[in-house]
């Protein structure tokens, strides 16, 4: 994407080189692997770009072969990468998917972790319709936390909408430290995505209504409950808080990592198109189902094997 027009959606955050088995099997037994790009914010940008929305991903990568490959991969997905910079003094992060056993991260000291408010000096956040962040970024470093604060302040002073995915990563910070920080960030956002399991670990919530009690301020709060469904809370024109629930679509789960990003992207695309709550949640479920059936974070269709 080379258009000089301001993107409708701008995402900011780290993307790493993803190493994953070519078939859904554990790393210890797999013999063939593939390289891909994996990161919450670039995943959102990739999915929403595929859905026809001009989206930009802002980040930093190492001045190395992995960084060059990452930028090319995300650009090839139709994402605007004009504000991705290369750092000659820090590497590109890497992580491994271990199907059935989670993920392994190798990101300490990465180029993206060195980002700060100055990294966004030339990025027109105020002119976008939506700016999307996740709770991963403030956990990367003190400068990244300052970057997130700066984004919230800039967007709050503009007409743009701030979208925030809680996306708690225990490997980056424990619930004791993460809980108050993520709650504060979420309360400052206009649209918030959070998994019920995350909310339980962070704030002791048992139900979607408990989450709304913890986060009463966002204009839209979307609580995702795995294979049960997703609930949206939003303010009506009369000032009441409306609650909409849409059940999850059945899917064969190969690997769950990345499905939340797909959900958020499709939800935001539907929101930008003026769709009502039920349609927004339905779009999120449809997109997430594709990713659940693959070992990759970005997939646009599921190949069906014929026997």
Protein backbone atom coordinates (compact mmCIF):
# COMPACT_ATOMS: atom_id res chain seq x y z
CA UNK A 1 0.00 0.00 0.00
CA UNK A 2 1.63 3.25 -1.14
CA UNK A 3 -1.32 5.65 -1.09
CA UNK A 4 -0.54 8.97 0.59
CA UNK A 5 -4.12 9.22 1.85
CA UNK A 6 -4.55 9.01 5.63
CA UNK A 7 -5.47 5.44 6.61
CA UNK A 8 -8.91 4.93 8.13
CA UNK A 9 -7.32 2.73 10.80
CA UNK A 10 -3.83 2.99 12.29
CA UNK A 11 -2.39 0.25 14.50
CA UNK A 12 0.79 0.52 16.57
CA UNK A 13 2.77 -2.36 18.07
CA UNK A 14 5.42 -5.01 17.73
CA UNK A 15 5.38 -7.72 15.09
CA UNK A 16 7.83 -10.61 15.27
CA UNK A 17 8.97 -13.27 12.87
CA UNK A 18 6.77 -16.28 13.54
CA UNK A 19 8.19 -19.80 13.22
CA UNK A 20 5.52 -22.48 13.18
CA UNK A 21 5.32 -26.17 12.22
CA UNK A 22 4.03 -26.62 8.69
CA UNK A 23 1.46 -29.06 10.04
CA UNK A 24 -0.30 -28.78 13.44
CA UNK A 25 2.09 -30.82 15.58
CA UNK A 26 4.37 -30.01 18.53
CA UNK A 27 7.77 -28.46 17.90
CA UNK A 28 9.58 -31.44 19.47
CA UNK A 29 8.28 -33.79 16.77
CA UNK A 30 7.84 -31.45 13.78
CA UNK A 31 10.32 -31.66 10.93
CA UNK A 32 9.08 -28.92 8.60
CA UNK A 33 8.58 -25.29 9.62
CA UNK A 34 7.38 -22.10 7.97
CA UNK A 35 8.20 -18.43 8.52
CA UNK A 36 5.41 -15.88 8.85
CA UNK A 37 4.70 -12.53 10.46
CA UNK A 38 2.95 -12.50 13.82
CA UNK A 39 1.90 -9.60 16.00
CA UNK A 40 -1.44 -8.49 17.42
CA UNK A 41 -1.55 -5.06 15.80
CA UNK A 42 -0.25 -6.07 12.37
CA UNK A 43 -2.66 -9.02 12.46
CA UNK A 44 -5.53 -6.58 12.93
CA UNK A 45 -4.21 -4.38 10.12
CA UNK A 46 -3.78 -7.39 7.81
CA UNK A 47 -7.30 -8.71 8.35
CA UNK A 48 -8.99 -5.34 8.08
CA UNK A 49 -7.01 -4.50 4.92
CA UNK A 50 -8.22 -7.74 3.39
CA UNK A 51 -11.75 -6.64 4.26
CA UNK A 52 -11.26 -3.50 2.17
CA UNK A 53 -10.28 -0.90 4.80
CA UNK A 54 -7.17 1.26 4.28
CA UNK A 55 -5.11 0.38 7.35
CA UNK A 56 -1.58 1.23 8.47
CA UNK A 57 0.71 -0.61 10.85
CA UNK A 58 3.31 1.47 12.74
CA UNK A 59 6.30 -0.23 14.34
CA UNK A 60 10.07 -0.72 14.36
CA UNK A 61 12.02 -3.75 13.15
CA UNK A 62 15.67 -4.62 13.18
CA UNK A 63 17.85 -3.59 10.25
CA UNK A 64 18.22 -7.25 9.40
CA UNK A 65 16.88 -9.90 7.05
CA UNK A 66 14.00 -10.78 9.39
CA UNK A 67 12.94 -7.15 9.62
CA UNK A 68 13.07 -6.77 5.86
CA UNK A 69 11.00 -9.91 5.44
CA UNK A 70 8.44 -8.75 8.02
CA UNK A 71 7.90 -5.42 6.32
CA UNK A 72 7.56 -7.08 2.90
CA UNK A 73 5.11 -9.68 4.25
CA UNK A 74 2.81 -7.13 5.88
CA UNK A 75 3.00 -4.82 2.86
CA UNK A 76 2.03 -7.72 0.58
CA UNK A 77 -1.14 -8.14 2.63
CA UNK A 78 -2.25 -4.68 1.55
CA UNK A 79 -1.23 -2.87 4.73
CA UNK A 80 0.28 0.62 4.65
CA UNK A 81 3.78 0.28 6.17
CA UNK A 82 5.21 3.72 5.38
CA UNK A 83 5.77 4.45 9.11
CA UNK A 84 7.66 1.23 9.92
CA UNK A 85 11.28 2.09 10.74
CA UNK A 86 14.47 0.01 10.89
CA UNK A 87 16.76 0.04 13.93
CA UNK A 88 20.42 -0.79 13.21
CA UNK A 89 21.17 -1.31 16.91
CA UNK A 90 18.47 -3.83 17.87
CA UNK A 91 17.15 -7.10 16.40
CA UNK A 92 13.77 -8.13 15.09
CA UNK A 93 11.85 -10.21 17.64
CA UNK A 94 11.06 -13.89 17.01
CA UNK A 95 8.50 -16.28 18.43
CA UNK A 96 7.55 -19.91 17.92
CA UNK A 97 4.11 -21.50 17.90
CA UNK A 98 4.09 -24.90 19.59
CA UNK A 99 0.65 -26.33 18.68
CA UNK A 100 -1.00 -27.73 21.76
CA UNK A 101 1.60 -26.13 24.05
CA UNK A 102 1.28 -22.39 23.50
CA UNK A 103 4.03 -20.08 22.26
CA UNK A 104 7.70 -19.29 22.94
CA UNK A 105 8.82 -15.64 22.74
CA UNK A 106 12.31 -14.27 22.00
CA UNK A 107 11.69 -10.53 22.00
CA UNK A 108 13.74 -8.95 24.82
CA UNK A 109 15.70 -5.92 23.60
CA UNK A 110 13.97 -5.96 20.22
CA UNK A 111 13.76 -2.93 17.94
CA UNK A 112 10.06 -2.48 18.70
CA UNK A 113 10.69 -2.44 22.45
CA UNK A 114 12.81 0.68 21.93
CA UNK A 115 9.92 2.69 20.47
CA UNK A 116 8.68 5.76 22.35
CA UNK A 117 6.53 8.85 21.76
CA UNK A 118 9.12 10.22 19.33
CA UNK A 119 8.46 7.21 17.08
CA UNK A 120 5.02 8.64 16.28
CA UNK A 121 6.04 12.22 15.61
CA UNK A 122 5.17 12.04 11.91
CA UNK A 123 2.18 9.66 12.19
CA UNK A 124 -1.18 11.46 11.67
CA UNK A 125 -3.08 9.70 14.45
CA UNK A 126 -5.56 12.55 14.80
CA UNK A 127 -6.66 12.20 11.16
CA UNK A 128 -7.49 8.48 11.32
CA UNK A 129 -11.00 7.26 12.07
CA UNK A 130 -9.74 4.54 14.43
CA UNK A 131 -6.42 4.10 16.24
CA UNK A 132 -5.93 0.57 17.59
CA UNK A 133 -3.61 -0.49 20.42
CA UNK A 134 -3.20 -3.54 22.60
CA UNK A 135 -2.11 -4.21 26.17
CA UNK A 136 1.00 -5.92 24.85
CA UNK A 137 2.76 -2.69 23.90
CA UNK A 138 2.94 -0.97 27.32
CA UNK A 139 4.43 -4.15 28.79
CA UNK A 140 7.41 -4.16 26.40
CA UNK A 141 9.36 -1.32 28.03
CA UNK A 142 9.03 1.97 29.86
CA UNK A 143 9.40 3.86 26.58
CA UNK A 144 6.64 1.78 24.97
CA UNK A 145 4.41 2.52 27.96
CA UNK A 146 5.10 6.21 27.43
CA UNK A 147 4.24 5.77 23.74
CA UNK A 148 0.84 4.31 24.65
CA UNK A 149 0.16 7.19 27.06
CA UNK A 150 1.02 9.64 24.31
CA UNK A 151 -1.33 7.92 21.85
CA UNK A 152 -4.21 8.07 24.31
CA UNK A 153 -3.63 11.78 24.92
CA UNK A 154 -3.37 12.63 21.24
CA UNK A 155 -6.43 10.63 20.23
CA UNK A 156 -8.52 11.97 23.12
CA UNK A 157 -7.90 15.48 21.83
CA UNK A 158 -9.07 14.55 18.32
CA UNK A 159 -12.13 13.15 16.58
CA UNK A 160 -10.52 9.72 16.19
CA UNK A 161 -11.79 6.65 18.05
CA UNK A 162 -9.38 4.77 20.33
CA UNK A 163 -9.72 0.98 20.14
CA UNK A 164 -7.93 -1.07 22.81
CA UNK A 165 -7.53 -4.84 23.08
CA UNK A 166 -6.56 -5.79 26.64
CA UNK A 167 -4.49 -8.73 25.32
CA UNK A 168 -2.84 -9.58 28.64
CA UNK A 169 0.41 -11.53 28.20
CA UNK A 170 1.50 -13.15 31.51
CA UNK A 171 4.97 -13.76 30.06
CA UNK A 172 5.43 -9.98 29.86
CA UNK A 173 3.89 -8.94 33.18
CA UNK A 174 2.12 -10.72 36.01
CA UNK A 175 -1.52 -9.96 36.90
CA UNK A 176 -0.52 -8.00 40.01
CA UNK A 177 1.26 -5.40 37.91
CA UNK A 178 -0.87 -5.73 34.80
CA UNK A 179 -4.32 -5.49 36.39
CA UNK A 180 -4.33 -1.82 37.45
CA UNK A 181 -2.41 -0.63 34.37
CA UNK A 182 -4.62 -2.45 31.86
CA UNK A 183 -7.78 -1.35 33.65
CA UNK A 184 -6.64 2.27 33.46
CA UNK A 185 -5.83 2.03 29.76
CA UNK A 186 -9.14 0.28 29.01
CA UNK A 187 -11.13 2.92 30.88
CA UNK A 188 -9.54 5.60 28.68
CA UNK A 189 -10.52 3.88 25.40
CA UNK A 190 -13.67 4.25 23.29
CA UNK A 191 -13.83 0.59 22.19
CA UNK A 192 -12.44 -2.22 24.36
CA UNK A 193 -11.96 -5.91 23.58
CA UNK A 194 -11.26 -8.34 26.41
CA UNK A 195 -11.52 -12.09 26.92
CA UNK A 196 -13.56 -13.23 29.90
CA UNK A 197 -10.65 -15.48 30.89
CA UNK A 198 -8.34 -12.43 30.90
CA UNK A 199 -10.81 -10.43 32.97
CA UNK A 200 -11.05 -13.27 35.47
CA UNK A 201 -7.26 -13.47 35.85
CA UNK A 202 -6.83 -9.71 36.06
CA UNK A 203 -9.88 -8.49 37.97
CA UNK A 204 -11.66 -11.60 39.30
CA UNK A 205 -14.62 -11.26 36.91
CA UNK A 206 -16.92 -14.27 36.50
CA UNK A 207 -19.38 -12.94 33.92
CA UNK A 208 -19.53 -10.39 31.12
CA UNK A 209 -21.65 -8.19 33.38
CA UNK A 210 -18.86 -8.29 35.98
CA UNK A 211 -16.47 -7.00 33.32
CA UNK A 212 -18.82 -4.13 32.49
CA UNK A 213 -18.94 -3.26 36.18
CA UNK A 214 -15.13 -3.08 36.16
CA UNK A 215 -15.05 -1.06 32.92
CA UNK A 216 -18.14 1.17 32.90
CA UNK A 217 -16.66 4.04 30.88
CA UNK A 218 -15.91 2.77 27.31
CA UNK A 219 -18.65 3.56 24.82
CA UNK A 220 -18.38 -0.02 23.55
CA UNK A 221 -17.10 -2.98 25.54
CA UNK A 222 -16.79 -6.38 23.84
CA UNK A 223 -16.33 -9.37 26.14
CA UNK A 224 -15.27 -12.59 24.39
CA UNK A 225 -16.01 -15.90 26.07
CA UNK A 226 -14.15 -18.52 24.00
CA UNK A 227 -16.43 -21.09 22.44
CA UNK A 228 -19.51 -19.62 24.17
CA UNK A 229 -19.91 -16.26 22.46
CA UNK A 230 -19.26 -12.54 22.62
CA UNK A 231 -21.18 -9.78 24.40
CA UNK A 232 -21.19 -6.12 23.46
CA UNK A 233 -22.17 -3.39 25.90
CA UNK A 234 -22.81 0.03 24.40
CA UNK A 235 -24.45 3.29 25.27
CA UNK A 236 -27.73 4.06 23.48
CA UNK A 237 -28.86 7.53 22.42
CA UNK A 238 -30.95 7.69 25.59
CA UNK A 239 -27.88 7.03 27.72
CA UNK A 240 -28.85 3.48 28.68
CA UNK A 241 -26.36 0.59 28.54
CA UNK A 242 -27.52 -1.99 25.99
CA UNK A 243 -26.26 -5.59 26.05
CA UNK A 244 -26.06 -7.72 22.88
CA UNK A 245 -24.88 -11.37 22.81
CA UNK A 246 -23.96 -13.47 19.76
CA UNK A 247 -22.88 -17.12 20.23
CA UNK A 248 -19.61 -18.40 18.81
CA UNK A 249 -19.77 -20.37 15.56
CA UNK A 250 -18.68 -24.02 15.78
CA UNK A 251 -15.13 -24.58 14.50
CA UNK A 252 -12.42 -27.22 14.61
CA UNK A 253 -9.69 -25.54 16.65
CA UNK A 254 -6.16 -26.18 15.41
CA UNK A 255 -4.48 -23.22 17.16
CA UNK A 256 -6.22 -20.37 19.02
CA UNK A 257 -3.45 -17.75 18.97
CA UNK A 258 -4.37 -14.89 16.64
CA UNK A 259 -8.12 -15.50 16.58
CA UNK A 260 -8.77 -12.53 18.86
CA UNK A 261 -6.98 -10.22 16.45
CA UNK A 262 -9.09 -11.50 13.57
CA UNK A 263 -12.23 -10.93 15.65
CA UNK A 264 -11.22 -7.36 16.46
CA UNK A 265 -10.39 -6.55 12.85
CA UNK A 266 -13.68 -7.82 11.44
CA UNK A 267 -15.61 -6.12 14.23
CA UNK A 268 -13.88 -2.79 13.52
CA UNK A 269 -14.41 -3.15 9.76
CA UNK A 270 -18.12 -3.68 10.37
CA UNK A 271 -18.20 -0.72 12.75
CA UNK A 272 -16.51 1.52 10.17
CA UNK A 273 -19.17 0.42 7.68
CA UNK A 274 -21.91 1.50 10.09
CA UNK A 275 -23.14 -2.01 10.92
CA UNK A 276 -25.23 -2.59 14.10
CA UNK A 277 -23.95 -4.51 17.14
CA UNK A 278 -25.21 -7.95 16.13
CA UNK A 279 -23.60 -7.66 12.70
CA UNK A 280 -20.34 -6.42 14.24
CA UNK A 281 -20.12 -9.41 16.60
CA UNK A 282 -21.14 -11.85 13.86
CA UNK A 283 -18.41 -10.52 11.57
CA UNK A 284 -15.89 -10.97 14.39
CA UNK A 285 -16.89 -14.59 14.93
CA UNK A 286 -16.73 -15.36 11.21
CA UNK A 287 -13.21 -14.04 10.85
CA UNK A 288 -11.94 -15.62 14.06
CA UNK A 289 -13.22 -19.02 12.92
CA UNK A 290 -10.85 -18.93 9.93
CA UNK A 291 -7.78 -18.41 12.13
CA UNK A 292 -8.86 -21.06 14.64
CA UNK A 293 -8.60 -23.65 11.86
CA UNK A 294 -4.97 -22.85 10.99
CA UNK A 295 -1.53 -22.59 12.60
CA UNK A 296 -1.04 -19.12 11.09
CA UNK A 297 -2.28 -15.80 12.48
CA UNK A 298 -3.49 -14.57 9.09
CA UNK A 299 -5.62 -16.66 6.76
CA UNK A 300 -8.29 -15.62 4.31
CA UNK A 301 -9.84 -19.00 3.60
CA UNK A 302 -9.69 -22.54 4.91
CA UNK A 303 -8.58 -25.22 2.47
CA UNK A 304 -10.85 -28.24 2.69
CA UNK A 305 -9.18 -31.58 2.07
CA UNK A 306 -11.21 -33.89 -0.16
CA UNK A 307 -10.88 -37.59 0.36
